[in-house]
Amino acid sequence: MTDTQLIETPAGDARITWHRAARARIVLALGHGAGGGIEARDLQAIAAALPARRVSVALVEQPWRVAGKKVAPAPKTLDVGWRGLWPALAAQGLPVVAGGRSAGARVACRTAAELGAHAVLALSFPLHPPGRPEKSRADELLGAGVPTLVVQGGNDPFGRPGEFPDGNYGLVEVPFGDHGFAIPKRASLGQDDALGIITEGVARWVDAL
């Protein structure tokens, strides 16, 4: 079952597209990146697969996307939007896993402890800008303060799995995947296989929470 909900926040109206599970036991809220929306292949694959595991998936569109803008605002503004819509997620009366891809993963990590998130799912966490490993954002990931899973493409220019520091989090690698989990045609892995790695890895992790 799918429905949408418009939420007023101090940063403008945000939108939640619900992919609801029957007899849901948990809510998985996923924000998008700075360069795209909830149509991202990993977000759509998770939203399609997880309700069957009794996980209601909430795909969250930040106010700047709802307003039709092309460029994401500063991180602190993204945090304001996320905080503003959190009550609508918590109102389901279930544990809420905060998550997202890229910039959305950073938002989830930065706000998890203060909002009372049950856990954090970080898809394509942008560990550093491409070619700038010295500009690490590892402190955001390591500071989430709740159980955390990173799902990372093997060829992500924002941080390959081997670049991630030791820490108290899980990591699922998607071989050959770039920042959007696209798989080159020459790879030994197909695009559907890659999405299967993502959804199965996330499902196993959520089941164990």
N, C-alpha and C. Protein backbone atom coordinates (compact mmCIF):
# COMPACT_ATOMS: atom_id res chain seq x y z
N MET A 1 0.84 -1.20 0.00
CA MET A 1 0.00 0.00 0.00
C MET A 1 0.88 1.25 0.00
N THR A 2 0.61 2.18 -0.91
CA THR A 2 1.41 3.39 -1.03
C THR A 2 0.52 4.62 -0.87
N ASP A 3 1.00 5.58 -0.09
CA ASP A 3 0.30 6.86 0.01
C ASP A 3 1.32 7.94 0.34
N THR A 4 0.94 9.18 0.12
CA THR A 4 1.85 10.30 0.35
C THR A 4 1.30 11.22 1.43
N GLN A 5 2.23 11.90 2.09
CA GLN A 5 1.89 12.78 3.20
C GLN A 5 2.77 14.02 3.10
N LEU A 6 2.14 15.19 3.09
CA LEU A 6 2.88 16.46 3.06
C LEU A 6 3.03 16.94 4.50
N ILE A 7 4.25 17.29 4.88
CA ILE A 7 4.55 17.67 6.26
C ILE A 7 5.14 19.06 6.29
N GLU A 8 4.56 19.93 7.09
CA GLU A 8 5.14 21.26 7.29
C GLU A 8 6.37 21.15 8.17
N THR A 9 7.48 21.78 7.74
CA THR A 9 8.68 21.86 8.57
C THR A 9 9.17 23.30 8.55
N PRO A 10 10.06 23.68 9.47
CA PRO A 10 10.61 25.03 9.46
C PRO A 10 11.40 25.36 8.20
N ALA A 11 11.77 24.32 7.43
CA ALA A 11 12.51 24.55 6.19
C ALA A 11 11.59 24.53 4.96
N GLY A 12 10.29 24.39 5.17
CA GLY A 12 9.33 24.27 4.08
C GLY A 12 8.63 22.92 4.14
N ASP A 13 7.75 22.69 3.19
CA ASP A 13 6.99 21.44 3.17
C ASP A 13 7.85 20.29 2.68
N ALA A 14 7.87 19.21 3.47
CA ALA A 14 8.51 17.96 3.06
C ALA A 14 7.41 16.97 2.67
N ARG A 15 7.81 15.90 1.98
CA ARG A 15 6.82 14.91 1.55
C ARG A 15 7.33 13.51 1.89
N ILE A 16 6.44 12.70 2.43
CA ILE A 16 6.75 11.29 2.70
C ILE A 16 5.90 10.43 1.78
N THR A 17 6.55 9.54 1.04
CA THR A 17 5.84 8.52 0.27
C THR A 17 5.97 7.22 1.04
N TRP A 18 4.85 6.75 1.55
CA TRP A 18 4.81 5.55 2.38
C TRP A 18 4.63 4.30 1.53
N HIS A 19 5.47 3.32 1.79
CA HIS A 19 5.30 1.96 1.26
C HIS A 19 5.04 1.10 2.49
N ARG A 20 3.78 0.91 2.80
CA ARG A 20 3.40 0.35 4.11
C ARG A 20 3.37 -1.17 4.10
N ALA A 21 3.80 -1.73 5.21
CA ALA A 21 3.77 -3.17 5.41
C ALA A 21 2.53 -3.54 6.21
N ALA A 22 1.98 -4.71 5.92
CA ALA A 22 0.94 -5.26 6.78
C ALA A 22 1.59 -5.71 8.08
N ARG A 23 0.96 -5.39 9.21
CA ARG A 23 1.50 -5.75 10.53
C ARG A 23 2.95 -5.30 10.67
N ALA A 24 3.19 -4.06 10.31
CA ALA A 24 4.57 -3.52 10.37
C ALA A 24 5.12 -3.58 11.79
N ARG A 25 6.42 -3.86 11.88
CA ARG A 25 7.08 -3.89 13.18
C ARG A 25 8.11 -2.79 13.32
N ILE A 26 8.42 -2.12 12.21
CA ILE A 26 9.45 -1.09 12.21
C ILE A 26 9.21 -0.15 11.04
N VAL A 27 9.66 1.10 11.17
CA VAL A 27 9.63 2.06 10.06
C VAL A 27 11.06 2.34 9.62
N LEU A 28 11.30 2.25 8.33
CA LEU A 28 12.59 2.61 7.75
C LEU A 28 12.40 3.88 6.94
N ALA A 29 12.95 4.98 7.42
CA ALA A 29 12.81 6.28 6.75
C ALA A 29 14.07 6.57 5.96
N LEU A 30 13.92 6.85 4.67
CA LEU A 30 15.07 7.03 3.79
C LEU A 30 14.99 8.37 3.07
N GLY A 31 16.00 9.20 3.28
CA GLY A 31 16.12 10.46 2.56
C GLY A 31 16.99 10.29 1.31
N HIS A 32 16.86 11.24 0.40
CA HIS A 32 17.59 11.17 -0.87
C HIS A 32 18.90 11.95 -0.79
N GLY A 33 19.64 11.93 -1.88
CA GLY A 33 20.91 12.64 -1.96
C GLY A 33 20.73 14.09 -2.39
N ALA A 34 21.87 14.76 -2.53
CA ALA A 34 21.86 16.18 -2.90
C ALA A 34 21.66 16.38 -4.40
N GLY A 35 21.82 15.31 -5.19
CA GLY A 35 21.72 15.46 -6.64
C GLY A 35 20.54 14.74 -7.25
N GLY A 36 19.65 14.22 -6.43
CA GLY A 36 18.52 13.46 -6.96
C GLY A 36 17.46 13.29 -5.90
N GLY A 37 16.43 12.53 -6.26
CA GLY A 37 15.31 12.35 -5.35
C GLY A 37 15.08 10.90 -5.01
N ILE A 38 13.84 10.61 -4.63
CA ILE A 38 13.51 9.26 -4.16
C ILE A 38 13.38 8.25 -5.30
N GLU A 39 13.59 8.70 -6.54
CA GLU A 39 13.58 7.76 -7.66
C GLU A 39 14.88 6.97 -7.76
N ALA A 40 15.86 7.23 -6.92
CA ALA A 40 17.14 6.52 -6.95
C ALA A 40 16.90 5.01 -6.87
N ARG A 41 17.70 4.26 -7.62
CA ARG A 41 17.46 2.81 -7.77
C ARG A 41 17.53 2.07 -6.44
N ASP A 42 18.42 2.46 -5.55
CA ASP A 42 18.53 1.74 -4.28
C ASP A 42 17.33 2.03 -3.39
N LEU A 43 16.88 3.28 -3.36
CA LEU A 43 15.71 3.62 -2.54
C LEU A 43 14.47 2.90 -3.04
N GLN A 44 14.30 2.87 -4.35
CA GLN A 44 13.12 2.21 -4.92
C GLN A 44 13.16 0.70 -4.69
N ALA A 45 14.35 0.10 -4.79
CA ALA A 45 14.47 -1.34 -4.58
C ALA A 45 14.15 -1.71 -3.13
N ILE A 46 14.63 -0.92 -2.19
CA ILE A 46 14.35 -1.19 -0.78
C ILE A 46 12.87 -1.00 -0.49
N ALA A 47 12.27 0.06 -1.05
CA ALA A 47 10.85 0.31 -0.82
C ALA A 47 9.98 -0.81 -1.39
N ALA A 48 10.44 -1.44 -2.46
CA ALA A 48 9.68 -2.54 -3.06
C ALA A 48 9.85 -3.84 -2.28
N ALA A 49 11.02 -4.05 -1.70
CA ALA A 49 11.33 -5.35 -1.11
C ALA A 49 11.01 -5.47 0.38
N LEU A 50 11.18 -4.40 1.14
CA LEU A 50 11.14 -4.51 2.60
C LEU A 50 9.73 -4.64 3.21
N PRO A 51 8.67 -4.09 2.61
CA PRO A 51 7.35 -4.27 3.23
C PRO A 51 6.97 -5.74 3.43
N ALA A 52 7.44 -6.61 2.56
CA ALA A 52 7.16 -8.04 2.73
C ALA A 52 7.84 -8.61 3.97
N ARG A 53 8.82 -7.87 4.51
CA ARG A 53 9.51 -8.29 5.73
C ARG A 53 8.95 -7.54 6.95
N ARG A 54 7.75 -7.01 6.81
CA ARG A 54 7.06 -6.27 7.88
C ARG A 54 7.78 -4.96 8.24
N VAL A 55 8.38 -4.36 7.22
CA VAL A 55 9.04 -3.06 7.40
C VAL A 55 8.31 -2.04 6.53
N SER A 56 7.72 -1.02 7.15
CA SER A 56 7.13 0.08 6.38
C SER A 56 8.25 1.04 5.98
N VAL A 57 8.35 1.31 4.69
CA VAL A 57 9.42 2.18 4.18
C VAL A 57 8.82 3.55 3.88
N ALA A 58 9.44 4.59 4.45
CA ALA A 58 9.02 5.97 4.23
C ALA A 58 10.09 6.67 3.41
N LEU A 59 9.79 6.96 2.15
CA LEU A 59 10.73 7.69 1.30
C LEU A 59 10.47 9.18 1.49
N VAL A 60 11.50 9.87 1.97
CA VAL A 60 11.36 11.27 2.40
C VAL A 60 11.96 12.21 1.37
N GLU A 61 11.16 13.18 0.93
CA GLU A 61 11.65 14.24 0.05
C GLU A 61 11.82 15.52 0.85
N GLN A 62 13.04 16.01 0.84
CA GLN A 62 13.35 17.24 1.57
C GLN A 62 12.61 18.43 0.95
N PRO A 63 12.37 19.48 1.74
CA PRO A 63 11.63 20.64 1.24
C PRO A 63 12.16 21.24 -0.05
N TRP A 64 13.47 21.23 -0.23
CA TRP A 64 14.01 21.83 -1.46
C TRP A 64 13.59 21.05 -2.70
N ARG A 65 13.44 19.73 -2.57
CA ARG A 65 12.97 18.94 -3.71
C ARG A 65 11.48 19.14 -3.94
N VAL A 66 10.71 19.21 -2.85
CA VAL A 66 9.27 19.42 -2.97
C VAL A 66 9.00 20.76 -3.64
N ALA A 67 9.85 21.75 -3.35
CA ALA A 67 9.69 23.10 -3.93
C ALA A 67 10.20 23.20 -5.36
N GLY A 68 10.77 22.11 -5.88
CA GLY A 68 11.22 22.10 -7.27
C GLY A 68 12.58 22.72 -7.51
N LYS A 69 13.36 22.92 -6.44
CA LYS A 69 14.69 23.50 -6.60
C LYS A 69 15.67 22.44 -7.08
N LYS A 70 16.75 22.91 -7.72
CA LYS A 70 17.72 22.00 -8.33
C LYS A 70 18.91 21.70 -7.44
N VAL A 71 19.18 22.58 -6.49
CA VAL A 71 20.39 22.45 -5.69
C VAL A 71 20.02 22.33 -4.22
N ALA A 72 20.64 21.38 -3.53
CA ALA A 72 20.36 21.18 -2.11
C ALA A 72 20.93 22.32 -1.27
N PRO A 73 20.26 22.69 -0.18
CA PRO A 73 20.78 23.72 0.71
C PRO A 73 21.89 23.17 1.60
N ALA A 74 22.37 24.00 2.52
CA ALA A 74 23.44 23.62 3.43
C ALA A 74 23.01 22.47 4.33
N PRO A 75 23.98 21.67 4.81
CA PRO A 75 23.65 20.53 5.67
C PRO A 75 22.75 20.89 6.85
N LYS A 76 22.98 22.02 7.47
CA LYS A 76 22.17 22.36 8.65
C LYS A 76 20.70 22.56 8.27
N THR A 77 20.44 23.05 7.05
CA THR A 77 19.06 23.21 6.59
C THR A 77 18.42 21.85 6.32
N LEU A 78 19.21 20.92 5.78
CA LEU A 78 18.70 19.56 5.59
C LEU A 78 18.33 18.94 6.94
N ASP A 79 19.15 19.19 7.95
CA ASP A 79 18.85 18.67 9.29
C ASP A 79 17.56 19.27 9.84
N VAL A 80 17.32 20.55 9.58
CA VAL A 80 16.10 21.21 10.04
C VAL A 80 14.87 20.54 9.42
N GLY A 81 14.94 20.28 8.12
CA GLY A 81 13.83 19.61 7.44
C GLY A 81 13.57 18.22 8.00
N TRP A 82 14.64 17.48 8.24
CA TRP A 82 14.52 16.11 8.76
C TRP A 82 13.94 16.11 10.16
N ARG A 83 14.43 17.01 11.01
CA ARG A 83 13.87 17.10 12.37
C ARG A 83 12.38 17.44 12.32
N GLY A 84 12.01 18.32 11.38
CA GLY A 84 10.63 18.78 11.30
C GLY A 84 9.65 17.70 10.90
N LEU A 85 10.11 16.73 10.13
CA LEU A 85 9.19 15.68 9.69
C LEU A 85 9.27 14.44 10.58
N TRP A 86 10.24 14.39 11.48
CA TRP A 86 10.42 13.21 12.32
C TRP A 86 9.17 12.84 13.11
N PRO A 87 8.43 13.81 13.68
CA PRO A 87 7.23 13.42 14.43
C PRO A 87 6.23 12.61 13.60
N ALA A 88 6.15 12.87 12.30
CA ALA A 88 5.24 12.11 11.45
C ALA A 88 5.71 10.66 11.30
N LEU A 89 7.02 10.44 11.36
CA LEU A 89 7.56 9.09 11.30
C LEU A 89 7.32 8.36 12.63
N ALA A 90 7.58 9.07 13.72
CA ALA A 90 7.43 8.48 15.06
C ALA A 90 5.97 8.24 15.41
N ALA A 91 5.06 8.98 14.76
CA ALA A 91 3.63 8.86 15.07
C ALA A 91 3.07 7.48 14.72
N GLN A 92 3.82 6.68 13.97
CA GLN A 92 3.35 5.33 13.65
C GLN A 92 3.40 4.41 14.87
N GLY A 93 4.08 4.87 15.93
CA GLY A 93 4.15 4.08 17.15
C GLY A 93 5.09 2.90 17.07
N LEU A 94 6.03 2.94 16.13
CA LEU A 94 6.99 1.86 15.91
C LEU A 94 8.41 2.40 16.01
N PRO A 95 9.39 1.55 16.26
CA PRO A 95 10.78 2.01 16.18
C PRO A 95 11.08 2.55 14.78
N VAL A 96 11.82 3.64 14.72
CA VAL A 96 12.14 4.26 13.43
C VAL A 96 13.64 4.14 13.16
N VAL A 97 13.98 3.51 12.04
CA VAL A 97 15.36 3.47 11.56
C VAL A 97 15.53 4.67 10.63
N ALA A 98 16.49 5.53 10.95
CA ALA A 98 16.78 6.70 10.12
C ALA A 98 17.78 6.30 9.05
N GLY A 99 17.56 6.75 7.84
CA GLY A 99 18.49 6.39 6.78
C GLY A 99 18.39 7.31 5.58
N GLY A 100 19.18 6.97 4.60
CA GLY A 100 19.18 7.75 3.37
C GLY A 100 20.40 7.42 2.56
N ARG A 101 20.43 8.00 1.36
CA ARG A 101 21.60 7.82 0.51
C ARG A 101 22.37 9.13 0.43
N SER A 102 23.70 9.03 0.43
CA SER A 102 24.61 10.15 0.26
C SER A 102 24.34 11.26 1.28
N ALA A 103 23.91 12.44 0.83
CA ALA A 103 23.63 13.54 1.78
C ALA A 103 22.56 13.12 2.78
N GLY A 104 21.60 12.30 2.34
CA GLY A 104 20.57 11.82 3.25
C GLY A 104 21.12 10.91 4.33
N ALA A 105 22.17 10.15 4.01
CA ALA A 105 22.83 9.31 5.01
C ALA A 105 23.54 10.18 6.05
N ARG A 106 24.14 11.27 5.60
CA ARG A 106 24.82 12.18 6.55
C ARG A 106 23.80 12.80 7.50
N VAL A 107 22.64 13.22 6.98
CA VAL A 107 21.60 13.78 7.83
C VAL A 107 21.18 12.76 8.90
N ALA A 108 20.96 11.52 8.48
CA ALA A 108 20.52 10.49 9.41
C ALA A 108 21.55 10.27 10.51
N CYS A 109 22.83 10.25 10.15
CA CYS A 109 23.89 10.06 11.14
C CYS A 109 23.96 11.23 12.11
N ARG A 110 23.88 12.44 11.58
CA ARG A 110 24.04 13.63 12.43
C ARG A 110 22.92 13.78 13.45
N THR A 111 21.72 13.31 13.11
CA THR A 111 20.55 13.59 13.95
C THR A 111 20.04 12.36 14.70
N ALA A 112 20.63 11.20 14.49
CA ALA A 112 20.07 9.95 15.02
C ALA A 112 19.91 9.97 16.53
N ALA A 113 20.95 10.36 17.24
CA ALA A 113 20.91 10.28 18.70
C ALA A 113 19.88 11.25 19.27
N GLU A 114 19.86 12.48 18.77
CA GLU A 114 18.94 13.48 19.34
C GLU A 114 17.49 13.15 19.06
N LEU A 115 17.21 12.51 17.92
CA LEU A 115 15.82 12.20 17.55
C LEU A 115 15.35 10.86 18.11
N GLY A 116 16.25 10.09 18.65
CA GLY A 116 15.86 8.79 19.20
C GLY A 116 15.70 7.72 18.14
N ALA A 117 16.47 7.82 17.06
CA ALA A 117 16.41 6.78 16.02
C ALA A 117 16.83 5.44 16.59
N HIS A 118 16.17 4.39 16.11
CA HIS A 118 16.46 3.03 16.56
C HIS A 118 17.80 2.56 15.99
N ALA A 119 18.12 3.00 14.78
CA ALA A 119 19.35 2.61 14.09
C ALA A 119 19.51 3.54 12.89
N VAL A 120 20.63 3.40 12.17
CA VAL A 120 20.89 4.22 10.98
C VAL A 120 21.31 3.31 9.82
N LEU A 121 20.69 3.55 8.66
CA LEU A 121 21.08 2.90 7.41
C LEU A 121 21.70 3.95 6.49
N ALA A 122 22.99 3.79 6.21
CA ALA A 122 23.72 4.76 5.39
C ALA A 122 24.04 4.15 4.03
N LEU A 123 23.32 4.57 3.01
CA LEU A 123 23.52 4.10 1.64
C LEU A 123 24.46 5.07 0.92
N SER A 124 25.53 4.54 0.33
CA SER A 124 26.49 5.40 -0.39
C SER A 124 26.94 6.57 0.48
N PHE A 125 27.41 6.26 1.68
CA PHE A 125 27.85 7.33 2.58
C PHE A 125 29.02 8.07 1.93
N PRO A 126 28.90 9.41 1.78
CA PRO A 126 29.98 10.17 1.12
C PRO A 126 31.11 10.46 2.11
N LEU A 127 31.99 9.49 2.25
CA LEU A 127 33.07 9.58 3.24
C LEU A 127 33.95 10.81 3.01
N HIS A 128 34.11 11.17 1.74
CA HIS A 128 34.89 12.37 1.38
C HIS A 128 34.48 12.81 -0.02
N PRO A 129 34.73 14.08 -0.37
CA PRO A 129 34.49 14.48 -1.77
C PRO A 129 35.42 13.69 -2.69
N PRO A 130 35.01 13.44 -3.94
CA PRO A 130 35.86 12.67 -4.85
C PRO A 130 37.25 13.28 -4.98
N GLY A 131 38.25 12.44 -4.82
CA GLY A 131 39.64 12.89 -4.95
C GLY A 131 40.16 13.69 -3.77
N ARG A 132 39.37 13.79 -2.69
CA ARG A 132 39.77 14.59 -1.53
C ARG A 132 39.67 13.77 -0.25
N PRO A 133 40.43 12.69 -0.13
CA PRO A 133 40.30 11.82 1.05
C PRO A 133 40.64 12.52 2.36
N GLU A 134 41.39 13.62 2.26
CA GLU A 134 41.73 14.36 3.49
C GLU A 134 40.52 15.08 4.08
N LYS A 135 39.48 15.26 3.30
CA LYS A 135 38.26 15.93 3.77
C LYS A 135 37.26 14.90 4.31
N SER A 136 37.67 14.13 5.27
CA SER A 136 36.87 13.00 5.74
C SER A 136 35.67 13.45 6.56
N ARG A 137 34.57 12.72 6.35
CA ARG A 137 33.35 12.93 7.15
C ARG A 137 33.11 11.73 8.08
N ALA A 138 34.16 11.00 8.36
CA ALA A 138 34.04 9.80 9.18
C ALA A 138 33.45 10.11 10.56
N ASP A 139 33.70 11.32 11.06
CA ASP A 139 33.19 11.66 12.40
C ASP A 139 31.67 11.61 12.44
N GLU A 140 31.01 11.98 11.33
CA GLU A 140 29.54 11.91 11.29
C GLU A 140 29.07 10.46 11.40
N LEU A 141 29.71 9.59 10.65
CA LEU A 141 29.34 8.17 10.66
C LEU A 141 29.61 7.55 12.02
N LEU A 142 30.79 7.79 12.54
CA LEU A 142 31.19 7.16 13.81
C LEU A 142 30.45 7.76 14.99
N GLY A 143 29.90 8.96 14.81
CA GLY A 143 29.20 9.62 15.90
C GLY A 143 27.71 9.38 15.93
N ALA A 144 27.20 8.48 15.08
CA ALA A 144 25.75 8.26 15.01
C ALA A 144 25.19 7.82 16.36
N GLY A 145 25.92 6.98 17.07
CA GLY A 145 25.52 6.61 18.42
C GLY A 145 24.46 5.52 18.51
N VAL A 146 24.10 4.93 17.39
CA VAL A 146 23.11 3.85 17.35
C VAL A 146 23.62 2.79 16.38
N PRO A 147 23.04 1.56 16.39
CA PRO A 147 23.46 0.55 15.41
C PRO A 147 23.38 1.10 13.99
N THR A 148 24.44 0.89 13.22
CA THR A 148 24.55 1.51 11.90
C THR A 148 25.01 0.49 10.87
N LEU A 149 24.40 0.56 9.69
CA LEU A 149 24.84 -0.25 8.55
C LEU A 149 25.17 0.69 7.39
N VAL A 150 26.35 0.49 6.80
CA VAL A 150 26.76 1.20 5.59
C VAL A 150 26.64 0.23 4.42
N VAL A 151 26.02 0.67 3.33
CA VAL A 151 25.99 -0.09 2.08
C VAL A 151 26.73 0.75 1.05
N GLN A 152 27.83 0.23 0.54
CA GLN A 152 28.74 1.06 -0.26
C GLN A 152 29.15 0.35 -1.54
N GLY A 153 29.16 1.10 -2.64
CA GLY A 153 29.64 0.57 -3.90
C GLY A 153 31.14 0.36 -3.88
N GLY A 154 31.59 -0.73 -4.50
CA GLY A 154 33.01 -1.04 -4.51
C GLY A 154 33.86 -0.01 -5.24
N ASN A 155 33.25 0.74 -6.16
CA ASN A 155 33.98 1.77 -6.91
C ASN A 155 33.41 3.17 -6.65
N ASP A 156 32.90 3.40 -5.45
CA ASP A 156 32.31 4.70 -5.13
C ASP A 156 33.42 5.75 -4.98
N PRO A 157 33.45 6.79 -5.83
CA PRO A 157 34.50 7.80 -5.73
C PRO A 157 34.40 8.64 -4.47
N PHE A 158 33.25 8.58 -3.78
CA PHE A 158 33.10 9.31 -2.52
C PHE A 158 33.61 8.48 -1.32
N GLY A 159 34.18 7.33 -1.60
CA GLY A 159 34.72 6.48 -0.55
C GLY A 159 34.48 5.02 -0.86
N ARG A 160 35.55 4.30 -1.18
CA ARG A 160 35.43 2.86 -1.41
C ARG A 160 35.41 2.15 -0.06
N PRO A 161 34.84 0.95 -0.01
CA PRO A 161 34.73 0.25 1.27
C PRO A 161 36.04 0.15 2.05
N GLY A 162 37.15 -0.07 1.33
CA GLY A 162 38.43 -0.20 2.00
C GLY A 162 38.94 1.08 2.64
N GLU A 163 38.36 2.20 2.28
CA GLU A 163 38.78 3.48 2.86
C GLU A 163 38.11 3.78 4.19
N PHE A 164 37.07 3.03 4.53
CA PHE A 164 36.32 3.34 5.74
C PHE A 164 37.11 2.95 6.98
N PRO A 165 37.04 3.78 8.02
CA PRO A 165 37.78 3.50 9.23
C PRO A 165 37.14 2.36 10.03
N ASP A 166 37.92 1.78 10.92
CA ASP A 166 37.35 0.81 11.85
C ASP A 166 36.32 1.52 12.72
N GLY A 167 35.27 0.82 13.06
CA GLY A 167 34.24 1.42 13.90
C GLY A 167 33.14 0.43 14.21
N ASN A 168 32.22 0.85 15.02
CA ASN A 168 31.14 -0.02 15.48
C ASN A 168 29.96 0.08 14.53
N TYR A 169 30.14 -0.41 13.31
CA TYR A 169 29.08 -0.41 12.30
C TYR A 169 29.32 -1.58 11.36
N GLY A 170 28.26 -1.98 10.67
CA GLY A 170 28.39 -3.01 9.65
C GLY A 170 28.58 -2.40 8.28
N LEU A 171 29.15 -3.17 7.36
CA LEU A 171 29.36 -2.65 6.00
C LEU A 171 29.06 -3.75 4.99
N VAL A 172 28.18 -3.44 4.06
CA VAL A 172 27.87 -4.33 2.93
C VAL A 172 28.46 -3.70 1.67
N GLU A 173 29.32 -4.44 1.00
CA GLU A 173 29.90 -3.94 -0.25
C GLU A 173 29.11 -4.42 -1.45
N VAL A 174 28.85 -3.51 -2.37
CA VAL A 174 28.22 -3.85 -3.65
C VAL A 174 29.31 -3.82 -4.70
N PRO A 175 29.84 -4.98 -5.11
CA PRO A 175 30.98 -5.00 -6.02
C PRO A 175 30.70 -4.21 -7.31
N PHE A 176 31.71 -3.47 -7.74
CA PHE A 176 31.70 -2.70 -8.98
C PHE A 176 30.80 -1.45 -8.93
N GLY A 177 29.99 -1.29 -7.88
CA GLY A 177 29.02 -0.21 -7.85
C GLY A 177 29.67 1.16 -7.70
N ASP A 178 29.08 2.15 -8.38
CA ASP A 178 29.53 3.53 -8.20
C ASP A 178 28.68 4.20 -7.11
N HIS A 179 28.68 5.53 -7.05
CA HIS A 179 27.96 6.22 -5.98
C HIS A 179 26.44 6.01 -6.07
N GLY A 180 25.94 5.75 -7.27
CA GLY A 180 24.52 5.45 -7.45
C GLY A 180 24.24 3.97 -7.58
N PHE A 181 25.24 3.14 -7.26
CA PHE A 181 25.15 1.68 -7.37
C PHE A 181 24.93 1.21 -8.81
N ALA A 182 25.33 2.04 -9.78
CA ALA A 182 25.31 1.59 -11.17
C ALA A 182 26.46 0.61 -11.39
N ILE A 183 26.20 -0.44 -12.17
CA ILE A 183 27.18 -1.49 -12.43
C ILE A 183 27.62 -1.41 -13.89
N PRO A 184 28.92 -1.36 -14.16
CA PRO A 184 29.38 -1.31 -15.56
C PRO A 184 28.94 -2.56 -16.32
N LYS A 185 28.69 -2.40 -17.60
CA LYS A 185 28.23 -3.52 -18.42
C LYS A 185 29.26 -4.65 -18.48
N ARG A 186 30.54 -4.28 -18.35
CA ARG A 186 31.59 -5.30 -18.45
C ARG A 186 31.76 -6.10 -17.16
N ALA A 187 31.09 -5.71 -16.09
CA ALA A 187 31.27 -6.36 -14.79
C ALA A 187 30.66 -7.76 -14.79
N SER A 188 31.18 -8.59 -13.90
CA SER A 188 30.67 -9.96 -13.77
C SER A 188 29.36 -10.01 -12.99
N LEU A 189 28.91 -8.86 -12.53
CA LEU A 189 27.68 -8.74 -11.74
C LEU A 189 26.68 -7.91 -12.53
N GLY A 190 25.43 -8.33 -12.56
CA GLY A 190 24.40 -7.55 -13.24
C GLY A 190 23.77 -6.51 -12.33
N GLN A 191 23.04 -5.56 -12.92
CA GLN A 191 22.41 -4.50 -12.12
C GLN A 191 21.38 -5.08 -11.15
N ASP A 192 20.60 -6.04 -11.60
CA ASP A 192 19.60 -6.66 -10.71
C ASP A 192 20.28 -7.40 -9.56
N ASP A 193 21.43 -8.04 -9.87
CA ASP A 193 22.17 -8.73 -8.81
C ASP A 193 22.64 -7.75 -7.75
N ALA A 194 23.10 -6.59 -8.19
CA ALA A 194 23.58 -5.57 -7.26
C ALA A 194 22.45 -5.09 -6.35
N LEU A 195 21.28 -4.86 -6.94
CA LEU A 195 20.14 -4.43 -6.12
C LEU A 195 19.72 -5.53 -5.14
N GLY A 196 19.88 -6.77 -5.56
CA GLY A 196 19.59 -7.89 -4.67
C GLY A 196 20.53 -7.92 -3.47
N ILE A 197 21.81 -7.61 -3.71
CA ILE A 197 22.77 -7.54 -2.60
C ILE A 197 22.35 -6.46 -1.61
N ILE A 198 21.91 -5.33 -2.14
CA ILE A 198 21.47 -4.23 -1.27
C ILE A 198 20.25 -4.63 -0.45
N THR A 199 19.21 -5.11 -1.12
CA THR A 199 17.96 -5.39 -0.40
C THR A 199 18.13 -6.54 0.58
N GLU A 200 18.89 -7.57 0.21
CA GLU A 200 19.09 -8.69 1.12
C GLU A 200 19.94 -8.29 2.31
N GLY A 201 20.97 -7.49 2.05
CA GLY A 201 21.82 -7.02 3.14
C GLY A 201 21.05 -6.16 4.13
N VAL A 202 20.22 -5.27 3.61
CA VAL A 202 19.42 -4.40 4.47
C VAL A 202 18.38 -5.22 5.23
N ALA A 203 17.73 -6.16 4.54
CA ALA A 203 16.69 -6.97 5.18
C ALA A 203 17.27 -7.80 6.33
N ARG A 204 18.43 -8.42 6.11
CA ARG A 204 19.05 -9.24 7.16
C ARG A 204 19.39 -8.36 8.38
N TRP A 205 19.92 -7.19 8.10
CA TRP A 205 20.31 -6.28 9.18
C TRP A 205 19.08 -5.81 9.98
N VAL A 206 18.02 -5.42 9.27
CA VAL A 206 16.81 -4.95 9.96
C VAL A 206 16.20 -6.11 10.77
N ASP A 207 16.21 -7.30 10.20
CA ASP A 207 15.66 -8.46 10.93
C ASP A 207 16.38 -8.68 12.25
N ALA A 208 17.67 -8.35 12.29
CA ALA A 208 18.48 -8.60 13.48
C ALA A 208 18.43 -7.47 14.50
N LEU A 209 17.79 -6.37 14.17
CA LEU A 209 17.76 -5.23 15.10
C LEU A 209 16.90 -5.55 16.33
